Structures are given as structure tokens and as C-alpha cells.
């Protein structure tokens, strides 16, 4: 196994873990209600407008939800250039930043 294969698997696993945390009802897609449930623990951290923006940014097929492949696409595009599989420090913070827009 080459190191890059391991990095890709770890990255996908982290993306999946983050997705699963946001998917409150565990139906395989993230809705406005899922995001509201997550952010209810941080009431000043977001607004309905921000939640709408998050859904809009990730929802490539315009069904008002985003599935894992859409979530992964957004996070991959937002990944800092300096971040690599061997340097995982701070990965959760950039995931949160990517989702917050």
C-alpha cells in the first residue's frame, strides 16, 4: 500500500465521520433540520440564512439536501493546500470552516 492510498482512506473516513455527525436522523443525507439540530448546541454560531447558504453551497442536484458525495466535494475543494494526510492537525477546524461558508 502506498502512503497516498492510506491518506485518501483516512481523509474519506474523516469526511464520513463529519457527515455522520451532521446527519442527525441518519437517513444518508443532510437537511436543513439536520443542520439546525447540530447548531442548536451553538445558538449564536449560525442563523437560518447561514444554514440555507450551507445547503445551497453543497446541494449540486438541487434537491434541498446534500448527500455524502456532495459533502465530500465541498470539503475537498475547501481543503487547505498545506493540509496533507501526514499532517492532520487542525483538520476538524477547516471542515467546520468549509461548512460554515
N, C-alpha and C. Protein backbone atom coordinates (compact mmCIF):
# COMPACT_ATOMS: atom_id res chain seq x y z
N UNK A 1 0.84 -1.17 0.00
CA UNK A 1 0.00 0.00 0.00
C UNK A 1 0.89 1.24 0.00
N UNK A 2 0.61 2.15 -0.87
CA UNK A 2 1.42 3.36 -0.91
C UNK A 2 0.84 4.39 0.07
N UNK A 3 1.65 5.30 0.58
CA UNK A 3 1.19 6.28 1.57
C UNK A 3 0.00 7.10 1.10
N UNK A 4 -0.05 7.43 -0.18
CA UNK A 4 -1.16 8.25 -0.65
C UNK A 4 -2.48 7.50 -0.56
N UNK A 5 -2.49 6.18 -0.77
CA UNK A 5 -3.71 5.39 -0.62
C UNK A 5 -4.21 5.46 0.82
N UNK A 6 -3.30 5.37 1.76
CA UNK A 6 -3.65 5.44 3.17
C UNK A 6 -4.20 6.82 3.50
N UNK A 7 -3.59 7.87 2.99
CA UNK A 7 -4.05 9.23 3.24
C UNK A 7 -5.45 9.44 2.70
N UNK A 8 -5.72 8.93 1.51
CA UNK A 8 -7.04 9.07 0.90
C UNK A 8 -8.08 8.35 1.74
N UNK A 9 -7.76 7.15 2.23
CA UNK A 9 -8.70 6.41 3.07
C UNK A 9 -8.96 7.13 4.39
N UNK A 10 -7.91 7.66 5.01
CA UNK A 10 -8.09 8.40 6.26
C UNK A 10 -8.93 9.65 6.03
N UNK A 11 -8.66 10.35 4.95
CA UNK A 11 -9.42 11.56 4.63
C UNK A 11 -10.89 11.22 4.43
N UNK A 12 -11.18 10.20 3.64
CA UNK A 12 -12.57 9.79 3.39
C UNK A 12 -13.24 9.39 4.69
N UNK A 13 -12.51 8.73 5.56
CA UNK A 13 -13.05 8.32 6.85
C UNK A 13 -13.39 9.53 7.71
N UNK A 14 -12.53 10.54 7.71
CA UNK A 14 -12.82 11.77 8.45
C UNK A 14 -14.02 12.49 7.87
N UNK A 15 -14.11 12.55 6.55
CA UNK A 15 -15.26 13.17 5.90
C UNK A 15 -16.53 12.44 6.30
N UNK A 16 -16.49 11.10 6.28
CA UNK A 16 -17.66 10.29 6.61
C UNK A 16 -18.05 10.53 8.07
N UNK A 17 -17.08 10.59 8.96
CA UNK A 17 -17.37 10.84 10.37
C UNK A 17 -18.05 12.19 10.56
N UNK A 18 -17.54 13.21 9.90
CA UNK A 18 -18.14 14.55 9.99
C UNK A 18 -19.56 14.53 9.41
N UNK A 19 -19.74 13.86 8.29
CA UNK A 19 -21.05 13.76 7.66
C UNK A 19 -22.04 13.08 8.60
N UNK A 20 -21.61 11.98 9.21
CA UNK A 20 -22.49 11.23 10.11
C UNK A 20 -22.90 12.05 11.33
N UNK A 21 -22.01 12.90 11.81
CA UNK A 21 -22.36 13.78 12.94
C UNK A 21 -23.45 14.76 12.51
N UNK A 22 -23.35 15.30 11.33
CA UNK A 22 -24.33 16.27 10.84
C UNK A 22 -25.65 15.63 10.44
N UNK A 23 -25.63 14.38 10.01
CA UNK A 23 -26.83 13.68 9.56
C UNK A 23 -27.61 13.16 10.78
N UNK A 24 -28.30 14.08 11.46
CA UNK A 24 -28.95 13.78 12.74
C UNK A 24 -29.93 12.62 12.67
N UNK A 25 -30.69 12.52 11.60
CA UNK A 25 -31.68 11.45 11.51
C UNK A 25 -31.14 10.20 10.80
N UNK A 26 -29.86 10.25 10.44
CA UNK A 26 -29.16 9.11 9.84
C UNK A 26 -29.87 8.54 8.61
N UNK A 27 -30.40 9.43 7.77
CA UNK A 27 -31.07 8.98 6.55
C UNK A 27 -30.17 9.04 5.32
N UNK A 28 -28.88 9.36 5.53
CA UNK A 28 -27.94 9.36 4.42
C UNK A 28 -27.86 10.67 3.66
N UNK A 29 -28.52 11.68 4.17
CA UNK A 29 -28.46 12.99 3.55
C UNK A 29 -28.63 14.04 4.64
N UNK A 30 -28.08 15.21 4.40
CA UNK A 30 -28.13 16.28 5.39
C UNK A 30 -29.16 17.31 4.93
N UNK A 31 -30.07 17.60 5.83
CA UNK A 31 -31.14 18.55 5.55
C UNK A 31 -30.96 19.81 6.40
N UNK A 32 -31.81 20.78 6.16
CA UNK A 32 -31.81 21.97 7.00
C UNK A 32 -32.07 21.60 8.46
N UNK A 33 -33.02 20.67 8.67
CA UNK A 33 -33.33 20.24 10.04
C UNK A 33 -32.13 19.57 10.70
N UNK A 34 -31.37 18.78 9.94
CA UNK A 34 -30.16 18.17 10.49
C UNK A 34 -29.17 19.24 10.94
N UNK A 35 -28.97 20.24 10.09
CA UNK A 35 -28.03 21.32 10.44
C UNK A 35 -28.54 22.13 11.62
N UNK A 36 -29.85 22.40 11.65
CA UNK A 36 -30.42 23.12 12.79
C UNK A 36 -30.22 22.33 14.08
N UNK A 37 -30.41 21.01 14.02
CA UNK A 37 -30.22 20.17 15.21
C UNK A 37 -28.77 20.25 15.69
N UNK A 38 -27.84 20.17 14.76
CA UNK A 38 -26.43 20.24 15.11
C UNK A 38 -26.09 21.60 15.73
N UNK A 39 -26.50 22.66 15.07
CA UNK A 39 -26.15 24.01 15.51
C UNK A 39 -26.97 24.48 16.70
N UNK A 40 -27.99 23.74 17.12
CA UNK A 40 -28.77 24.15 18.29
C UNK A 40 -27.91 24.18 19.55
N UNK A 41 -26.84 23.43 19.56
CA UNK A 41 -25.91 23.45 20.69
C UNK A 41 -25.06 24.73 20.69
N UNK A 42 -25.05 25.44 19.57
CA UNK A 42 -24.28 26.67 19.41
C UNK A 42 -25.20 27.76 18.84
N UNK A 43 -26.19 28.20 19.61
CA UNK A 43 -27.22 29.08 19.06
C UNK A 43 -26.70 30.36 18.42
N UNK A 44 -25.61 30.89 18.90
CA UNK A 44 -25.11 32.14 18.29
C UNK A 44 -24.19 31.87 17.12
N UNK A 45 -23.91 30.60 16.83
CA UNK A 45 -22.94 30.26 15.78
C UNK A 45 -23.53 30.35 14.38
N UNK A 46 -24.83 30.27 14.25
CA UNK A 46 -25.40 30.28 12.91
C UNK A 46 -26.82 30.83 12.91
N UNK A 47 -27.29 31.12 11.72
CA UNK A 47 -28.64 31.62 11.51
C UNK A 47 -29.29 30.78 10.43
N UNK A 48 -30.58 30.99 10.25
CA UNK A 48 -31.27 30.28 9.16
C UNK A 48 -30.66 30.62 7.81
N UNK A 49 -30.23 31.88 7.65
CA UNK A 49 -29.59 32.28 6.38
C UNK A 49 -28.29 31.51 6.15
N UNK A 50 -27.50 31.34 7.21
CA UNK A 50 -26.25 30.59 7.07
C UNK A 50 -26.52 29.12 6.75
N UNK A 51 -27.54 28.55 7.40
CA UNK A 51 -27.90 27.16 7.12
C UNK A 51 -28.34 27.03 5.66
N UNK A 52 -29.14 27.97 5.20
CA UNK A 52 -29.57 27.96 3.80
C UNK A 52 -28.35 28.04 2.87
N UNK A 53 -27.39 28.88 3.22
CA UNK A 53 -26.17 29.01 2.41
C UNK A 53 -25.37 27.72 2.38
N UNK A 54 -25.29 27.03 3.52
CA UNK A 54 -24.57 25.75 3.57
C UNK A 54 -25.22 24.72 2.65
N UNK A 55 -26.54 24.63 2.72
CA UNK A 55 -27.25 23.67 1.87
C UNK A 55 -27.05 24.06 0.40
N UNK A 56 -27.22 25.32 0.09
CA UNK A 56 -27.08 25.78 -1.29
C UNK A 56 -25.69 25.51 -1.85
N UNK A 57 -24.66 25.72 -1.04
CA UNK A 57 -23.29 25.52 -1.50
C UNK A 57 -22.99 24.06 -1.80
N UNK A 58 -23.58 23.16 -1.04
CA UNK A 58 -23.26 21.73 -1.21
C UNK A 58 -24.23 20.99 -2.11
N UNK A 59 -25.43 21.49 -2.28
CA UNK A 59 -26.51 20.77 -2.96
C UNK A 59 -26.40 20.87 -4.49
N UNK A 60 -25.56 20.04 -5.06
CA UNK A 60 -25.32 20.08 -6.51
C UNK A 60 -26.54 19.68 -7.33
N UNK A 61 -27.36 18.77 -6.81
CA UNK A 61 -28.51 18.30 -7.59
C UNK A 61 -29.81 19.05 -7.25
N UNK A 62 -29.70 20.08 -6.42
CA UNK A 62 -30.80 20.99 -6.10
C UNK A 62 -32.05 20.30 -5.53
N UNK A 63 -31.81 19.30 -4.66
CA UNK A 63 -32.95 18.60 -4.04
C UNK A 63 -33.17 19.05 -2.59
N UNK A 64 -32.51 20.12 -2.16
CA UNK A 64 -32.60 20.69 -0.81
C UNK A 64 -31.97 19.81 0.27
N UNK A 65 -31.15 18.89 -0.13
CA UNK A 65 -30.38 18.05 0.79
C UNK A 65 -28.98 17.95 0.20
N UNK A 66 -28.02 17.49 1.00
CA UNK A 66 -26.78 17.09 0.38
C UNK A 66 -26.36 15.73 0.90
N UNK A 67 -26.01 14.90 -0.07
CA UNK A 67 -25.57 13.55 0.21
C UNK A 67 -24.06 13.56 0.42
N UNK A 68 -23.53 12.40 0.79
CA UNK A 68 -22.11 12.32 1.13
C UNK A 68 -21.22 12.79 -0.02
N UNK A 69 -21.51 12.37 -1.25
CA UNK A 69 -20.64 12.76 -2.37
C UNK A 69 -20.62 14.28 -2.56
N UNK A 70 -21.73 14.96 -2.29
CA UNK A 70 -21.76 16.42 -2.39
C UNK A 70 -20.98 17.05 -1.24
N UNK A 71 -21.13 16.50 -0.06
CA UNK A 71 -20.41 16.95 1.12
C UNK A 71 -18.90 16.79 0.92
N UNK A 72 -18.51 15.65 0.41
CA UNK A 72 -17.09 15.36 0.16
C UNK A 72 -16.51 16.32 -0.87
N UNK A 73 -17.28 16.63 -1.89
CA UNK A 73 -16.83 17.56 -2.95
C UNK A 73 -16.55 18.93 -2.36
N UNK A 74 -17.45 19.42 -1.51
CA UNK A 74 -17.27 20.74 -0.88
C UNK A 74 -16.05 20.75 0.02
N UNK A 75 -15.89 19.72 0.84
CA UNK A 75 -14.76 19.69 1.76
C UNK A 75 -13.44 19.53 1.01
N UNK A 76 -13.45 18.73 -0.04
CA UNK A 76 -12.23 18.56 -0.82
C UNK A 76 -11.81 19.87 -1.48
N UNK A 77 -12.78 20.62 -1.97
CA UNK A 77 -12.49 21.90 -2.61
C UNK A 77 -12.00 22.93 -1.60
N UNK A 78 -12.45 22.83 -0.35
CA UNK A 78 -12.08 23.80 0.67
C UNK A 78 -10.82 23.42 1.43
N UNK A 79 -10.29 22.24 1.17
CA UNK A 79 -9.13 21.75 1.91
C UNK A 79 -7.94 22.66 1.69
N UNK A 80 -7.32 23.10 2.77
CA UNK A 80 -6.13 23.95 2.62
C UNK A 80 -5.02 23.23 1.85
N UNK A 81 -4.33 23.96 1.02
CA UNK A 81 -3.25 23.37 0.21
C UNK A 81 -2.17 22.75 1.09
N UNK A 82 -1.93 23.30 2.25
CA UNK A 82 -0.87 22.80 3.12
C UNK A 82 -1.27 21.53 3.86
N UNK A 83 -2.56 21.20 3.89
CA UNK A 83 -3.02 20.04 4.64
C UNK A 83 -2.67 18.78 3.86
N UNK A 84 -2.17 17.79 4.55
CA UNK A 84 -1.87 16.52 3.90
C UNK A 84 -2.23 15.41 4.84
N UNK A 85 -2.24 14.18 4.34
CA UNK A 85 -2.56 13.02 5.14
C UNK A 85 -1.63 12.84 6.32
N UNK A 86 -0.41 13.31 6.22
CA UNK A 86 0.55 13.14 7.30
C UNK A 86 0.48 14.29 8.31
N UNK A 87 -0.24 15.33 7.99
CA UNK A 87 -0.35 16.47 8.89
C UNK A 87 -1.82 16.75 9.16
N UNK A 88 -2.41 16.03 10.09
CA UNK A 88 -3.85 16.07 10.30
C UNK A 88 -4.26 17.13 11.32
N UNK A 89 -3.29 17.80 11.92
CA UNK A 89 -3.58 18.80 12.94
C UNK A 89 -4.46 19.90 12.36
N UNK A 90 -5.55 20.15 13.02
CA UNK A 90 -6.45 21.21 12.57
C UNK A 90 -7.45 20.80 11.50
N UNK A 91 -7.51 19.53 11.14
CA UNK A 91 -8.40 19.11 10.06
C UNK A 91 -9.86 19.36 10.40
N UNK A 92 -10.24 19.15 11.65
CA UNK A 92 -11.63 19.37 12.04
C UNK A 92 -12.01 20.84 11.93
N UNK A 93 -11.08 21.73 12.22
CA UNK A 93 -11.40 23.16 12.15
C UNK A 93 -11.64 23.59 10.71
N UNK A 94 -10.87 23.10 9.75
CA UNK A 94 -11.13 23.52 8.37
C UNK A 94 -12.40 22.89 7.84
N UNK A 95 -12.77 21.70 8.34
CA UNK A 95 -14.05 21.09 7.94
C UNK A 95 -15.19 21.99 8.42
N UNK A 96 -15.13 22.43 9.66
CA UNK A 96 -16.17 23.32 10.20
C UNK A 96 -16.21 24.63 9.43
N UNK A 97 -15.04 25.17 9.11
CA UNK A 97 -14.97 26.41 8.35
C UNK A 97 -15.55 26.23 6.96
N UNK A 98 -15.28 25.13 6.32
CA UNK A 98 -15.80 24.86 4.97
C UNK A 98 -17.33 24.79 4.99
N UNK A 99 -17.87 24.17 6.02
CA UNK A 99 -19.32 24.05 6.09
C UNK A 99 -20.00 25.38 6.43
N UNK A 100 -19.33 26.21 7.20
CA UNK A 100 -19.92 27.48 7.59
C UNK A 100 -19.89 28.50 6.46
N UNK A 101 -19.09 28.20 5.42
CA UNK A 101 -19.04 29.08 4.26
C UNK A 101 -18.19 30.25 4.55
